Structures are given as C-alpha cells and as structure tokens.
Protein backbone atom coordinates (compact mmCIF):
# COMPACT_ATOMS: atom_id res chain seq x y z
CA MET A 1 0.28 -0.04 0.06
CA THR A 2 0.95 3.29 -0.60
CA CYS A 3 0.38 6.79 0.90
CA SER A 4 0.68 10.00 -0.71
CA ASP A 5 -0.04 12.28 2.16
CA HIS A 6 3.26 11.68 3.96
CA THR A 7 6.98 11.70 3.51
CA PHE A 8 10.03 10.45 5.36
CA ILE A 9 12.87 13.08 4.59
CA ILE A 10 16.14 12.11 5.68
CA PRO A 11 18.25 14.97 6.47
CA ALA A 12 22.05 13.17 5.52
CA TYR A 13 25.25 14.43 7.23
CA LYS A 14 28.25 13.27 5.64
CA GLY A 15 28.54 9.55 5.70
CA SER A 16 26.61 7.44 7.99
CA ASP A 17 27.43 4.02 8.66
CA PHE A 18 24.04 3.16 9.36
CA ILE A 19 21.95 5.29 6.60
CA GLU A 20 21.74 1.91 4.41
CA GLU A 21 19.88 0.08 7.73
CA CYS A 22 17.67 3.23 7.82
CA ILE A 23 16.41 3.71 4.55
CA ILE A 24 15.58 -0.51 4.06
CA SER A 25 13.49 0.40 7.42
CA LEU A 26 11.64 2.86 5.59
CA LYS A 27 11.36 1.00 2.20
CA GLN A 28 9.50 -1.83 4.25
CA GLN A 29 6.85 0.13 5.96
CA THR A 30 3.26 -1.56 5.79
CA LEU A 31 2.27 1.68 4.30
CA ASN A 32 4.78 2.96 1.67
CA SER A 33 5.30 6.77 1.66
CA LYS A 34 8.05 9.16 -0.51
CA ILE A 35 11.51 9.33 0.64
CA ILE A 36 13.75 12.41 -0.09
CA ILE A 37 17.57 12.75 1.12
CA THR A 38 18.51 16.19 1.93
CA THR A 39 22.10 17.21 2.15
CA SER A 40 24.72 20.00 2.96
CA THR A 41 27.61 17.59 2.70
CA PRO A 42 27.39 16.07 -0.52
CA SER A 43 29.28 13.16 -1.18
CA SER A 44 29.87 10.24 -3.92
CA PHE A 45 28.79 8.17 -0.71
CA VAL A 46 25.77 9.54 -0.66
CA PHE A 47 24.97 9.68 -3.99
CA ASP A 48 25.19 5.94 -4.45
CA ILE A 49 23.03 5.77 -1.81
CA SER A 50 20.38 7.61 -3.49
CA ARG A 51 20.64 6.12 -6.61
CA LYS A 52 20.84 2.46 -5.22
CA TYR A 53 17.82 2.88 -3.77
CA ASN A 54 15.94 5.33 -6.17
CA ILE A 55 15.51 7.79 -3.76
CA GLU A 56 15.57 11.85 -4.75
CA ILE A 57 18.23 14.31 -3.33
CA TYR A 58 18.54 17.73 -2.52
CA ILE A 59 21.43 19.63 -1.64
CA ASN A 60 21.26 22.24 1.09
CA LYS A 61 24.09 25.11 -0.53
CA ASN A 62 23.53 27.13 2.75
CA GLY A 63 23.59 24.17 5.70
CA ASN A 64 26.20 24.98 8.54
CA ASN A 65 24.88 23.41 11.64
CA ILE A 66 21.88 20.83 12.30
CA ALA A 67 18.80 23.28 12.70
CA ASN A 68 19.78 24.86 9.23
CA ASP A 69 19.58 21.38 7.78
CA TRP A 70 16.35 20.50 9.73
CA ASN A 71 14.87 23.33 8.38
CA PHE A 72 16.11 23.03 5.10
CA ALA A 73 14.59 19.22 4.88
CA TYR A 74 11.41 20.66 6.60
CA LYS A 75 10.73 23.40 3.52
CA MET A 76 11.37 20.30 1.10
CA CYS A 77 8.18 18.88 2.40
CA GLN A 78 5.11 18.80 -0.35
CA THR A 79 2.18 16.50 1.78
CA LYS A 80 0.49 16.62 4.71
CA TYR A 81 2.57 14.65 6.90
CA LEU A 82 6.33 14.83 7.18
CA THR A 83 8.75 12.47 9.45
CA LEU A 84 12.82 14.00 9.48
CA ALA A 85 13.91 10.60 9.54
CA HIS A 86 17.32 10.22 11.72
CA GLN A 87 20.06 8.28 9.19
CA ASP A 88 21.06 6.37 11.92
CA ASP A 89 17.67 5.31 13.45
CA ILE A 90 15.65 2.12 12.21
CA TYR A 91 11.92 2.59 11.87
CA LEU A 92 9.60 -0.43 12.34
CA PRO A 93 7.19 -1.94 10.09
CA GLU A 94 4.08 -0.40 11.11
CA TYR A 95 5.55 3.19 12.04
CA THR A 96 3.81 5.19 8.97
CA GLU A 97 0.21 3.10 9.37
CA GLN A 98 0.15 3.47 13.19
CA CYS A 99 0.75 7.19 12.92
CA LEU A 100 -1.96 7.71 10.38
CA ASN A 101 -4.64 5.82 11.58
CA TYR A 102 -4.29 8.06 14.62
CA ALA A 103 -3.65 11.50 12.75
CA GLU A 104 -6.74 10.72 10.43
CA ILE A 105 -9.17 9.99 13.05
CA PRO A 106 -11.54 12.82 12.30
CA ALA A 107 -11.64 14.02 15.87
CA ASN A 108 -7.59 14.64 15.54
CA SER A 109 -8.17 16.75 12.34
CA ASP A 110 -6.51 19.45 14.08
CA SER A 111 -3.27 17.54 15.05
CA LEU A 112 0.44 19.55 15.39
CA MET A 113 2.36 16.05 15.45
CA ILE A 114 2.12 12.65 16.45
CA PHE A 115 4.71 11.16 18.31
CA THR A 116 5.35 7.23 19.60
CA ASP A 117 7.69 5.31 22.02
CA TYR A 118 11.15 4.17 21.08
CA LYS A 119 13.57 1.43 21.82
CA GLU A 120 17.35 2.30 22.27
CA ILE A 121 20.67 0.60 20.66
CA ALA A 122 23.96 1.60 21.68
CA GLY A 123 26.93 -1.41 20.77
CA ASP A 124 28.95 -1.32 23.36
CA HIS A 125 27.26 2.00 25.28
CA LYS A 126 26.39 1.61 28.39
CA LYS A 127 22.48 3.27 29.20
CA LYS A 128 22.21 5.91 32.09
CA VAL A 129 19.29 5.38 34.02
CA SER A 130 18.38 8.02 36.15
CA LEU A 131 16.05 10.06 37.90
CA ILE A 132 15.82 12.63 34.28
CA ILE A 133 14.62 9.63 32.60
CA PHE A 134 11.93 8.43 35.16
CA VAL A 135 10.77 12.14 35.10
CA LYS A 136 10.23 12.35 31.54
CA LYS A 137 8.59 9.13 31.52
CA ALA A 138 6.61 10.54 34.09
CA LEU A 139 5.74 13.79 32.10
CA LEU A 140 4.25 11.66 29.71
CA SER A 141 1.63 9.62 32.35
CA VAL A 142 -1.19 12.41 30.76
CA PHE A 143 -1.50 10.39 28.01
CA LEU A 144 -2.93 7.63 29.84
CA LEU A 145 -6.51 8.43 30.05
CA LYS A 146 -6.24 9.76 26.68
CA ASN A 147 -4.30 9.98 23.45
CA ASN A 148 -4.06 13.33 22.61
CA ILE A 149 -3.86 16.63 24.40
CA LYS A 150 -5.05 19.99 23.18
CA SER A 151 -4.75 22.42 25.89
CA ASN A 152 -1.98 24.66 25.54
CA PHE A 153 -1.37 24.75 29.38
CA LEU A 154 -0.54 20.79 28.95
CA LYS A 155 0.97 20.65 25.82
CA ARG A 156 3.62 23.09 27.72
CA SER A 157 3.65 21.05 31.18
CA ILE A 158 4.74 17.81 29.60
CA LEU A 159 8.02 19.54 28.74
CA SER A 160 8.74 21.88 31.90
CA PHE A 161 10.70 19.50 33.78
CA GLY A 162 12.84 18.38 30.17
CA ASN A 163 12.11 17.05 27.07
CA PRO A 164 9.92 13.59 26.89
CA ILE A 165 8.92 13.22 22.94
CA SER A 166 11.61 11.65 20.96
CA CYS A 167 12.67 14.05 18.00
CA PRO A 168 12.66 11.04 15.54
CA SER A 169 9.12 9.70 16.28
CA VAL A 170 7.60 12.77 15.42
CA MET A 171 5.38 12.67 13.02
CA PHE A 172 4.71 16.64 11.72
CA ASN A 173 1.19 17.84 10.31
CA VAL A 174 2.74 20.50 7.90
CA LYS A 175 -0.23 21.48 7.24
CA ASN A 176 -1.79 22.28 10.62
CA ILE A 177 1.90 23.87 11.58
CA GLY A 178 2.25 26.06 8.25
CA PRO A 179 5.95 27.64 7.82
CA PHE A 180 8.31 26.43 10.90
CA GLU A 181 11.66 26.59 11.57
CA PHE A 182 14.48 25.15 14.12
CA SER A 183 16.18 27.53 15.91
CA GLU A 184 19.40 27.83 15.39
CA GLU A 185 20.77 29.21 18.57
CA TYR A 186 20.65 25.33 19.87
CA GLN A 187 22.68 22.22 19.10
CA TYR A 188 21.57 19.58 21.26
CA ASN A 189 18.21 20.83 22.48
CA ILE A 190 16.87 21.91 19.07
CA ASP A 191 13.88 19.94 19.02
CA TRP A 192 12.95 20.65 22.95
CA GLU A 193 12.95 24.50 22.09
CA ALA A 194 10.45 23.83 19.03
CA TRP A 195 8.41 21.51 20.82
CA LEU A 196 7.60 24.56 23.39
CA ARG A 197 6.90 26.97 20.49
CA LEU A 198 4.48 24.36 19.14
CA ALA A 199 2.80 23.47 21.94
CA LYS A 200 1.97 27.31 21.76
CA LYS A 201 0.10 26.96 18.73
CA GLU A 202 -4.05 25.38 18.33
CA GLY A 203 -4.03 21.61 17.60
CA LYS A 204 -3.05 18.21 19.65
CA PHE A 205 -0.49 16.64 20.44
CA ILE A 206 -1.12 12.85 19.49
CA TYR A 207 1.16 10.08 21.69
CA ILE A 208 1.32 6.49 20.55
CA ASN A 209 2.59 5.03 23.19
CA LYS A 210 4.02 1.96 21.21
CA LYS A 211 8.10 1.28 20.38
CA LEU A 212 7.37 1.91 17.04
CA MET A 213 11.49 3.14 16.10
CA VAL A 214 14.58 2.23 17.42
CA HIS A 215 16.98 5.30 18.25
CA ARG A 216 20.96 4.42 17.93
CA LEU A 217 23.57 6.11 19.95
CA HIS A 218 26.86 5.73 18.87
CA ASP A 219 30.48 8.17 19.14
CA GLU A 220 29.70 9.86 16.00
CA SER A 221 25.99 10.63 16.66
CA GLN A 222 25.36 14.70 17.61
CA THR A 223 23.08 13.36 20.72
CA PHE A 224 26.49 11.17 21.97
CA ILE A 225 28.80 14.52 21.51
CA GLN A 226 26.64 16.81 22.58
CA ILE A 227 26.40 14.92 25.39
CA GLN A 228 29.98 14.66 26.29
CA ASN A 229 30.24 18.29 26.66
CA ASP A 230 28.71 21.23 28.78
CA ASN A 231 26.97 22.34 25.64
CA ARG A 232 23.82 19.70 27.07
CA TYR A 233 23.62 21.66 30.39
CA LYS A 234 23.89 25.11 29.19
CA GLU A 235 21.17 24.73 26.26
CA GLU A 236 18.93 23.26 29.14
CA GLU A 237 19.41 25.69 31.59
CA LYS A 238 18.02 28.50 28.65
CA ILE A 239 15.20 26.18 28.37
CA PHE A 240 14.39 26.09 31.88
CA GLN A 241 15.34 29.55 32.63
CA SER A 242 12.18 30.33 29.34
CA ILE A 243 9.69 28.03 31.51
CA TRP A 244 10.93 28.88 35.29
CA ASN A 245 12.25 32.06 37.02
CA LYS A 246 15.63 31.83 37.34
CA PRO A 247 16.46 30.22 40.47
CA PHE A 248 13.75 27.53 40.48
CA ALA A 249 15.80 26.76 36.82
CA ARG A 250 18.74 26.94 38.85
CA LEU A 251 17.55 24.55 40.82
CA ILE A 252 16.06 22.00 38.27
CA MET A 253 19.48 22.31 36.90
CA LYS A 254 21.75 21.50 40.21
CA ILE A 255 19.06 18.46 40.65
CA TYR A 256 19.89 17.41 36.80
CA LYS A 257 23.48 17.41 37.22
CA TYR A 258 23.34 15.68 40.47
CA SER A 259 21.26 12.73 38.86
CA SER A 260 23.62 12.61 36.06
CA SER A 261 26.49 11.99 39.13
CA LEU A 262 24.73 9.33 40.24
CA ASN A 263 24.07 7.38 37.03
CA VAL A 264 23.77 3.79 37.50
CA GLN A 265 25.25 1.90 34.23
CA LYS A 266 23.93 -1.53 32.80
CA PRO A 267 24.06 -2.53 28.92
CA TYR A 268 21.36 -1.27 26.41
C-alpha cells in the first residue's frame, strides 16, 4: 500500500554507516511513503545510496548546522505529513501506518504532531538510568487516559521538566503547523525548544504508546557528542529559564547534574 500524504525526509550528514539500514526500514513500511534525502555535505557515498534505492536527493548549499539542515528538509516537504528520519535510526514496519491511523481520525484533524515510544540501541555504550529518565517518562503520564492533548497548558506542562518527546519518532502535520523553523541557537536541544513553541499553537499533540522506532546512539552521533560536553547543560538551563524563573531553573539544573553524577550504568 502507498500513502501520498506522508514523506520521510532524511537529512543526511557526511557518510553514516547506518543510513542504508535506515532507508531499508523506510522501504519496508506496511504503508509506503515518499522518501527524500537532503544534505549539506554532498559526497559520492550519499549519491551512490540515493541511486541504489532510487531516492531523490536535494542539496542544501547554505547548511552550517543541524537546525539549518532540518529547516531545509522541512521546506522540501510537499505532503500533509512529514517525518524527519534520522539517518542512524530504524523505523519499525508499522510506524507510518500506526501514526496515520491516529492522525486521520476525524477528531484529530487539528493535530500538530504525532509521536511514538521507541527502543534504544547503542552497541558497547552503557545506558544511563537516572532520575531524569524517570521524570521524562512520568511527564507522559498525562496521555494515560487519552492519547491526545489539545490544551496549551497541558502541552507545555509535559515539556516543563525535560523533553520526553523523541524527535525522530515525530510525524509533523505540516498542513496544520504551516511554515516553521527550528532555532539555530541550539545544537542539542533543538527539538525541545521547537516543541515548546508548537505547544503554544492551537492543535493536538498525539502520543502512541508503542515502540515503533529504534534510536541508535554511537560515538559519532550528535546526541552522543553533545552529551559529552557542557553544551547540553548550558542549553538545558537556558530553556528551563524560559519556562521558570531563574532561581527555580538553577535549582532544577542542580538536580539534573546531581542525578547525572549518580547514574547507574547497565547494558542496553
């Protein structure tokens, strides 16, 4: 089956060892969508991949950061729905069909985005189990009674103590969101800041409590790089200060940092 309302766009960066696995997972969806590759770092590697799988490729000639790459990809979308497929991740076969089933319910016609639960793989890395992770899971408890929320207050509340929404799992309702740009002020928390702005718009956030994608963490991923430096904490504090007053934001950050220092490590 084919869906003409949804596009997967892969913002490819340099030469990922995992992009082919990502593409195969998109090709194996129970409901097939249009697939596009965008890149600001064109290479023979990415051109060969696009030819091998007969995928259109568009070059972002002005790309200089992640947000810019995502903005270029967002603008390339010509369909109602869009998923920015992260090149290192894997989408389980029912991802598209499940997301569209929820999005196309008449009562959800005002949706802004649909997002799902996810699995994680990280090779030899260790999973950090901390208070932060439990808090993020708890923030989604608002969806236990209903799989969608429309209230601007509730949408903002699930983002008030951290970002529980996995960016690669998100299917955007481009038609309802309209023109949109990710902030180039951020490198790690681009998505969190974007969700906070979307939470102010009229429309629903829809959560599918099923693991429909696999997120990969590895040494060269931007997620892993940002976690290893202080940039993550600087950005998080900046966002907390935009939500709360400065003294309370500083208190939250102290708890975050203390929690990180007590992380229990276990294999993925």
